[in-house]
Amino acid sequence: MPFPTNIDILPAASWLSLREGMVVIAGPCSVESKHQFEETARQLASGGKLSAIRAGVWKPRSRPGEFEGIGEKAMPWLKDSRAETGLPLAVEVARPRHAETCLKHGIDIIWLGARTTVNPFMVQEIANVIRGTGIPVMVKNPVSPDLRLWIGAIERIFNAGTNKIIALHRGFHTHENKTSRNLPLWEIPLELKKIIPGIPVICDPSHIAGNRAGLAEITETALGLNMDGLIIESHYRPDEALTDSSQQITPEAMHELINMALATSERKDISRPLQAMRERIDNYDHTLLELLAGRFGVSSEIGRIKRKKGEVIVQKNRQEHILNDRMQKSKSLGLSPEFTRKLLQLLHDESVNYQQKEKDEK
């Protein structure tokens, strides 16, 4: 489904103040109390680098019994903080009623979380609520690595009459073992920027890393790939946070992180295009390895089935079908026939090894 060619996303700089030439949004994962939010916002604003303050008023949690936010009660605290800091407020909405509440209280920016973006019906209901208001909207990528869902959510918001849209890249959850909370899969946000020219894409290193230790590396990579900014979770006492305490940092640490990232980015200006391409290759390689692990896992399962049924491992008809089918696909993708043939032979031989191991077990 192609994106409408007549879409006109306004540059973020036309409606949002950019610090150091990029969008910088920070604030607590959850608004927990008036003092907690106002103190965090005050310290964040003192650094002079923020474009807006994020505030989790409603918190969709994976399991019941966890802290799910203060709700509408927090709205006056947010507005008092805005009056003091002069910074716009960004609030996540997960259902139409949340959007109605934000409009009623004059919230500056709303965003759709990953759990919301994955549901087109809910996105449409929220779009219906904001239709004609022109309120800026940030759209996080869905939980799963589905670019069509992300684009579809952006389309629905745009069709509601809002052209002040920012895409938020917070990484993707998969079943694979990983060291970070979410896999960045950088090729997906980069592809989004190609499909929707001009849309600002900012990175959420807090949700990708899932811990403070990984924030710097994710931040550097995002800026190296020419992301348009960052959204970072910050709490004036992060160890006491009621949600996502391990990935939140103090406002002072947030300022240091931004300064470090900018300094590193300036040193890399000359090699940035090359570095960006290398990052893409790294991510493609990691994805290929994950796919290969999955493929050989299926081969092992086939070996177990063949052992039970007493079937031979190598079945010539199947092997020839795979070779012909993959060679045709390879040709359509512009890959070298010689390379493809060698690769398929390696895959076949290794699959036979996996199946033979399973068949040999008694």
Protein backbone atom coordinates (compact mmCIF):
# COMPACT_ATOMS: atom_id res chain seq x y z
CA MET A 1 0.00 0.00 0.00
CA PRO A 2 1.81 3.16 -1.11
CA PHE A 3 1.80 6.21 1.09
CA PRO A 4 -0.28 9.08 -0.36
CA THR A 5 1.94 11.15 -2.66
CA ASN A 6 0.24 14.39 -1.62
CA ILE A 7 1.02 14.07 2.08
CA ASP A 8 2.68 17.16 3.54
CA ILE A 9 4.25 16.63 6.96
CA LEU A 10 5.36 19.91 8.51
CA PRO A 11 9.02 20.02 9.58
CA ALA A 12 9.29 19.79 13.36
CA ALA A 13 11.24 23.05 13.42
CA SER A 14 8.16 24.90 12.14
CA TRP A 15 6.10 24.09 15.24
CA LEU A 16 8.58 22.91 17.88
CA SER A 17 11.73 24.57 19.20
CA LEU A 18 14.80 22.55 18.29
CA ARG A 19 17.85 22.58 20.52
CA GLU A 20 21.18 21.94 18.83
CA GLY A 21 19.28 21.39 15.58
CA MET A 22 17.35 18.37 16.80
CA VAL A 23 14.23 17.42 18.74
CA VAL A 24 14.98 16.64 22.38
CA ILE A 25 12.10 15.43 24.56
CA ALA A 26 12.57 14.15 28.10
CA GLY A 27 10.56 13.49 31.21
CA PRO A 28 9.46 10.77 33.59
CA CYS A 29 8.04 7.48 32.41
CA SER A 30 5.15 8.06 34.81
CA VAL A 31 3.79 11.11 36.58
CA GLU A 32 3.73 9.90 40.19
CA SER A 33 3.10 13.06 42.21
CA LYS A 34 2.99 16.82 41.82
CA HIS A 35 6.40 17.25 43.46
CA GLN A 36 8.05 14.44 41.47
CA PHE A 37 6.90 15.78 38.12
CA GLU A 38 7.52 19.46 38.80
CA GLU A 39 11.00 18.85 40.27
CA THR A 40 11.98 16.61 37.35
CA ALA A 41 10.66 19.12 34.81
CA ARG A 42 12.40 22.02 36.56
CA GLN A 43 15.78 20.26 36.48
CA LEU A 44 15.32 19.18 32.87
CA ALA A 45 14.40 22.69 31.74
CA SER A 46 17.44 24.20 33.47
CA GLY A 47 19.75 22.61 30.88
CA GLY A 48 18.19 24.65 28.09
CA LYS A 49 18.23 21.79 25.57
CA LEU A 50 14.66 20.50 25.65
CA SER A 51 12.03 20.90 22.95
CA ALA A 52 9.24 19.46 25.14
CA ILE A 53 8.61 17.50 28.34
CA ARG A 54 7.07 14.03 28.17
CA ALA A 55 4.68 12.85 30.87
CA GLY A 56 3.17 9.41 31.34
CA VAL A 57 -0.25 10.14 32.78
CA TRP A 58 -1.81 6.82 31.75
CA LYS A 59 0.54 3.84 31.71
CA PRO A 60 -0.55 0.69 29.84
CA ARG A 61 1.14 -2.14 31.76
CA SER A 62 1.62 -5.72 30.65
CA ARG A 63 0.18 -7.25 33.81
CA PRO A 64 -2.57 -6.20 36.25
CA GLY A 65 -1.66 -4.81 39.63
CA GLU A 66 1.18 -2.63 38.35
CA PHE A 67 1.11 1.17 38.58
CA GLU A 68 -1.01 2.45 35.69
CA GLY A 69 -0.67 6.18 36.20
CA ILE A 70 -2.40 9.05 37.99
CA GLY A 71 -4.78 9.88 35.13
CA GLU A 72 -6.62 13.16 34.74
CA LYS A 73 -5.73 14.19 38.30
CA ALA A 74 -2.23 14.98 37.02
CA MET A 75 -3.34 17.53 34.40
CA PRO A 76 -3.19 20.63 36.68
CA TRP A 77 0.35 19.64 37.74
CA LEU A 78 1.42 19.45 34.12
CA LYS A 79 -0.04 22.85 33.32
CA ASP A 80 1.63 24.44 36.38
CA SER A 81 4.95 23.00 35.21
CA ARG A 82 4.43 24.32 31.70
CA ALA A 83 3.78 27.79 33.09
CA GLU A 84 7.04 27.62 35.03
CA THR A 85 9.31 26.09 32.38
CA GLY A 86 7.69 27.45 29.21
CA LEU A 87 8.05 24.03 27.60
CA PRO A 88 5.28 22.18 25.72
CA LEU A 89 3.83 19.01 27.23
CA ALA A 90 3.63 15.61 25.52
CA VAL A 91 1.29 12.95 26.90
CA GLU A 92 0.67 9.37 25.76
CA VAL A 93 -2.93 8.44 24.90
CA ALA A 94 -4.05 4.83 24.65
CA ARG A 95 -7.78 5.27 24.07
CA PRO A 96 -10.22 7.92 22.79
CA ARG A 97 -11.12 9.11 26.28
CA HIS A 98 -7.48 9.92 26.95
CA ALA A 99 -7.35 12.05 23.81
CA GLU A 100 -10.54 13.88 24.82
CA THR A 101 -9.02 14.63 28.24
CA CYS A 102 -5.82 15.99 26.69
CA LEU A 103 -7.79 18.26 24.38
CA LYS A 104 -9.90 19.50 27.28
CA HIS A 105 -6.80 20.45 29.29
CA GLY A 106 -4.89 21.98 26.39
CA ILE A 107 -2.06 19.45 26.23
CA ASP A 108 0.34 20.49 23.46
CA ILE A 109 1.33 17.12 21.97
CA ILE A 110 -0.06 13.61 22.26
CA TRP A 111 1.61 10.35 21.33
CA LEU A 112 0.42 6.86 20.50
CA GLY A 113 2.31 4.10 22.26
CA ALA A 114 3.52 0.85 20.71
CA ARG A 115 0.59 -1.12 22.13
CA THR A 116 -1.84 1.36 20.58
CA THR A 117 -0.18 1.61 17.16
CA VAL A 118 -0.56 -2.14 16.74
CA ASN A 119 -4.37 -1.78 16.87
CA PRO A 120 -5.76 0.03 13.77
CA PHE A 121 -9.27 0.22 15.27
CA MET A 122 -8.03 2.07 18.36
CA VAL A 123 -5.82 4.37 16.27
CA GLN A 124 -8.83 5.26 14.12
CA GLU A 125 -10.99 5.99 17.16
CA ILE A 126 -8.34 8.34 18.54
CA ALA A 127 -7.98 9.93 15.09
CA ASN A 128 -11.74 10.56 15.07
CA VAL A 129 -11.49 12.37 18.42
CA ILE A 130 -8.73 14.73 17.28
CA ARG A 131 -10.13 15.26 13.78
CA GLY A 132 -9.90 18.89 12.77
CA THR A 133 -8.02 20.03 15.88
CA GLY A 134 -4.56 19.99 14.29
CA ILE A 135 -2.96 18.83 17.55
CA PRO A 136 0.59 17.51 16.99
CA VAL A 137 0.87 13.72 17.29
CA MET A 138 3.86 11.45 17.79
CA VAL A 139 3.41 7.85 16.64
CA LYS A 140 5.55 5.09 18.11
CA ASN A 141 6.38 2.04 16.06
CA PRO A 142 4.23 -1.01 16.85
CA VAL A 143 5.54 -3.66 19.22
CA SER A 144 6.12 -6.05 16.31
CA PRO A 145 8.47 -5.20 13.40
CA ASP A 146 5.62 -4.35 11.02
CA LEU A 147 6.34 -1.26 8.91
CA ARG A 148 2.87 -1.32 7.31
CA LEU A 149 1.21 -0.98 10.71
CA TRP A 150 3.44 1.99 11.56
CA ILE A 151 2.69 3.68 8.23
CA GLY A 152 -1.02 2.90 8.59
CA ALA A 153 -1.18 4.60 11.98
CA ILE A 154 0.56 7.67 10.58
CA GLU A 155 -1.86 7.72 7.65
CA ARG A 156 -4.88 7.61 9.96
CA ILE A 157 -3.57 10.55 11.99
CA PHE A 158 -2.73 12.52 8.84
CA ASN A 159 -6.19 11.84 7.38
CA ALA A 160 -7.69 13.30 10.57
CA GLY A 161 -6.27 16.67 9.53
CA THR A 162 -3.01 16.68 11.48
CA ASN A 163 0.21 17.30 9.56
CA LYS A 164 2.34 17.91 12.65
CA ILE A 165 3.51 14.32 13.02
CA ILE A 166 6.66 12.78 14.45
CA ALA A 167 7.50 9.07 14.23
CA LEU A 168 9.01 7.58 17.40
CA HIS A 169 11.40 4.66 17.03
CA ARG A 170 11.43 2.63 20.27
CA GLY A 171 12.63 -0.69 18.90
CA PHE A 172 10.77 -3.97 18.39
CA HIS A 173 10.01 -6.92 20.59
CA THR A 174 10.76 -10.38 19.23
CA HIS A 175 11.01 -13.82 20.81
CA GLU A 176 14.77 -13.95 20.17
CA ASN A 177 17.19 -13.74 23.08
CA LYS A 178 18.76 -10.30 23.22
CA THR A 179 20.82 -8.08 25.45
CA SER A 180 18.64 -4.98 24.99
CA ARG A 181 14.99 -4.60 25.91
CA ASN A 182 13.93 -4.16 22.28
CA LEU A 183 15.81 -4.81 19.05
CA PRO A 184 16.48 -1.51 17.24
CA LEU A 185 16.21 -3.01 13.72
CA TRP A 186 17.48 0.32 12.36
CA GLU A 187 16.61 -0.58 8.78
CA ILE A 188 12.88 -0.19 9.59
CA PRO A 189 12.92 3.50 10.69
CA LEU A 190 15.37 4.25 7.88
CA GLU A 191 12.95 2.70 5.40
CA LEU A 192 10.12 4.75 6.92
CA LYS A 193 12.09 7.94 6.21
CA LYS A 194 12.38 6.85 2.58
CA ILE A 195 8.69 6.04 2.22
CA ILE A 196 7.53 9.25 3.93
CA PRO A 197 10.04 11.92 2.92
CA GLY A 198 10.23 14.77 5.38
CA ILE A 199 8.72 13.02 8.38
CA PRO A 200 10.80 13.59 11.53
CA VAL A 201 11.90 10.29 13.09
CA ILE A 202 13.23 10.48 16.62
CA CYS A 203 14.71 7.64 18.64
CA ASP A 204 13.66 6.37 22.08
CA PRO A 205 16.92 4.90 23.45
CA SER A 206 15.31 4.30 26.86
CA HIS A 207 12.98 1.61 25.51
CA ILE A 208 15.54 0.11 23.14
CA ALA A 209 18.27 -0.29 25.78
CA GLY A 210 16.01 -0.97 28.75
CA ASN A 211 18.82 0.08 31.08
CA ARG A 212 20.97 3.11 31.76
CA ALA A 213 24.20 1.44 30.68
CA GLY A 214 23.05 1.06 27.08
CA LEU A 215 21.70 4.56 26.52
CA ALA A 216 24.90 6.16 25.28
CA GLU A 217 25.56 3.57 22.58
CA ILE A 218 21.97 3.65 21.29
CA THR A 219 21.96 7.46 21.32
CA GLU A 220 25.21 7.68 19.35
CA THR A 221 23.97 5.17 16.79
CA ALA A 222 20.66 7.00 16.34
CA LEU A 223 22.36 10.34 15.70
CA GLY A 224 24.93 8.64 13.48
CA LEU A 225 22.04 7.39 11.35
CA ASN A 226 20.71 10.95 11.06
CA MET A 227 17.69 10.50 13.30
CA ASP A 228 15.98 13.81 13.94
CA GLY A 229 16.19 13.71 17.71
CA LEU A 230 15.65 11.80 20.93
CA ILE A 231 12.98 11.10 23.52
CA ILE A 232 14.49 10.01 26.84
CA GLU A 233 12.96 8.93 30.14
CA SER A 234 14.23 11.00 33.05
CA HIS A 235 13.31 11.11 36.74
CA TYR A 236 14.88 13.24 39.44
CA ARG A 237 15.15 10.09 41.60
CA PRO A 238 15.13 7.25 39.05
CA ASP A 239 15.79 4.45 41.55
CA GLU A 240 12.51 5.34 43.25
CA ALA A 241 10.47 5.42 40.03
CA LEU A 242 7.26 3.36 40.03
CA THR A 243 7.75 2.29 36.41
CA ASP A 244 10.84 1.45 34.32
CA SER A 245 13.25 2.60 37.01
CA SER A 246 16.23 0.79 35.45
CA GLN A 247 16.08 2.79 32.22
CA GLN A 248 15.42 6.27 33.61
CA ILE A 249 18.23 8.72 34.28
CA THR A 250 18.51 11.91 36.29
CA PRO A 251 18.09 15.24 34.48
CA GLU A 252 21.79 15.93 35.07
CA ALA A 253 22.72 12.62 33.43
CA MET A 254 20.35 13.41 30.57
CA HIS A 255 22.13 16.71 29.89
CA GLU A 256 25.50 14.94 29.96
CA LEU A 257 24.21 12.27 27.58
CA ILE A 258 23.03 14.87 25.07
CA ASN A 259 26.31 16.82 25.28
CA MET A 260 28.33 13.64 24.81
CA ALA A 261 26.22 12.53 21.87
CA LEU A 262 26.47 15.92 20.18
CA ALA A 263 30.24 16.10 20.66
CA THR A 264 30.65 12.60 19.26
CA SER A 265 28.32 13.41 16.41
CA GLU A 266 30.35 16.48 15.45
CA ARG A 267 33.56 14.44 15.35
CA LYS A 268 31.86 11.92 13.10
CA ASP A 269 30.37 14.42 10.65
CA ILE A 270 32.81 13.58 7.86
CA SER A 271 32.38 9.80 8.16
CA ARG A 272 28.70 9.84 9.14
CA PRO A 273 27.33 8.55 5.79
CA LEU A 274 29.84 5.68 5.83
CA GLN A 275 29.13 4.94 9.47
CA ALA A 276 25.39 4.92 8.79
CA MET A 277 25.83 2.36 6.04
CA ARG A 278 28.03 0.23 8.26
CA GLU A 279 25.37 0.30 10.95
CA ARG A 280 22.82 -0.90 8.42
CA ILE A 281 25.10 -3.76 7.38
CA ASP A 282 25.58 -4.73 11.03
CA ASN A 283 21.84 -4.88 11.55
CA TYR A 284 21.26 -6.85 8.36
CA ASP A 285 23.93 -9.34 9.49
CA HIS A 286 22.33 -9.73 12.92
CA THR A 287 18.94 -10.27 11.30
CA LEU A 288 20.39 -12.86 8.91
CA LEU A 289 21.93 -14.78 11.79
CA GLU A 290 18.63 -14.78 13.68
CA LEU A 291 16.82 -16.04 10.58
CA LEU A 292 19.41 -18.77 10.04
CA ALA A 293 19.03 -19.92 13.63
CA GLY A 294 15.29 -20.14 13.09
CA ARG A 295 15.71 -22.00 9.80
CA PHE A 296 18.00 -24.63 11.30
CA GLY A 297 15.66 -25.00 14.25
CA VAL A 298 12.96 -26.04 11.78
CA SER A 299 15.46 -28.44 10.16
CA SER A 300 15.96 -30.13 13.53
CA GLU A 301 12.21 -30.52 13.93
CA ILE A 302 11.99 -32.06 10.46
CA GLY A 303 14.75 -34.49 11.46
CA ARG A 304 12.74 -35.63 14.48
CA ILE A 305 9.67 -36.21 12.32
CA LYS A 306 11.66 -38.16 9.73
CA ARG A 307 13.17 -40.30 12.50
CA LYS A 308 9.70 -41.25 13.74
CA LYS A 309 8.43 -41.97 10.22
CA GLY A 310 11.59 -43.76 9.10
CA GLU A 311 12.12 -41.44 6.12
CA VAL A 312 15.46 -40.73 4.46
CA ILE A 313 17.12 -37.38 5.12
CA VAL A 314 17.89 -36.25 1.57
CA GLN A 315 14.87 -36.13 -0.73
CA LYS A 316 15.96 -35.24 -4.25
CA ASN A 317 12.60 -33.92 -5.50
CA ARG A 318 12.37 -31.48 -2.60
CA GLN A 319 16.00 -30.44 -3.05
CA GLU A 320 15.50 -29.70 -6.75
CA HIS A 321 12.31 -27.75 -6.07
CA ILE A 322 14.08 -25.57 -3.49
CA LEU A 323 17.01 -24.94 -5.84
CA ASN A 324 14.81 -23.89 -8.79
CA ASP A 325 12.49 -21.75 -6.67
CA ARG A 326 15.30 -19.92 -4.85
CA MET A 327 17.33 -19.39 -8.04
CA GLN A 328 14.33 -17.68 -9.67
CA LYS A 329 13.78 -15.52 -6.60
CA SER A 330 17.48 -14.66 -6.53
CA LYS A 331 17.39 -13.59 -10.16
CA SER A 332 14.42 -11.27 -9.53
CA LEU A 333 16.38 -9.64 -6.67
CA GLY A 334 19.47 -9.10 -8.81
CA LEU A 335 21.71 -11.48 -6.87
CA SER A 336 24.58 -13.36 -8.49
CA PRO A 337 23.51 -16.88 -9.63
CA GLU A 338 26.92 -18.27 -8.71
CA PHE A 339 26.73 -16.82 -5.19
CA THR A 340 23.15 -18.02 -4.73
CA ARG A 341 23.99 -21.55 -5.81
CA LYS A 342 26.91 -21.72 -3.35
CA LEU A 343 24.77 -20.30 -0.55
CA LEU A 344 21.93 -22.76 -1.19
CA GLN A 345 24.37 -25.67 -1.18
CA LEU A 346 25.78 -24.53 2.17
CA LEU A 347 22.28 -24.17 3.61
CA HIS A 348 21.30 -27.61 2.29
CA ASP A 349 24.40 -29.29 3.71
CA GLU A 350 23.94 -27.69 7.14
CA SER A 351 20.23 -28.58 7.19
CA VAL A 352 21.16 -32.19 6.44
CA ASN A 353 23.59 -32.08 9.38
CA TYR A 354 20.87 -30.84 11.75
CA GLN A 355 18.40 -33.46 10.52
CA GLN A 356 20.98 -36.24 10.74
CA LYS A 357 21.78 -35.37 14.36
CA GLU A 358 18.09 -35.68 15.23
CA LYS A 359 17.70 -38.91 13.28
CA ASP A 360 20.76 -40.49 14.92
CA GLU A 361 19.35 -39.95 18.41
CA LYS A 362 17.68 -43.01 19.91
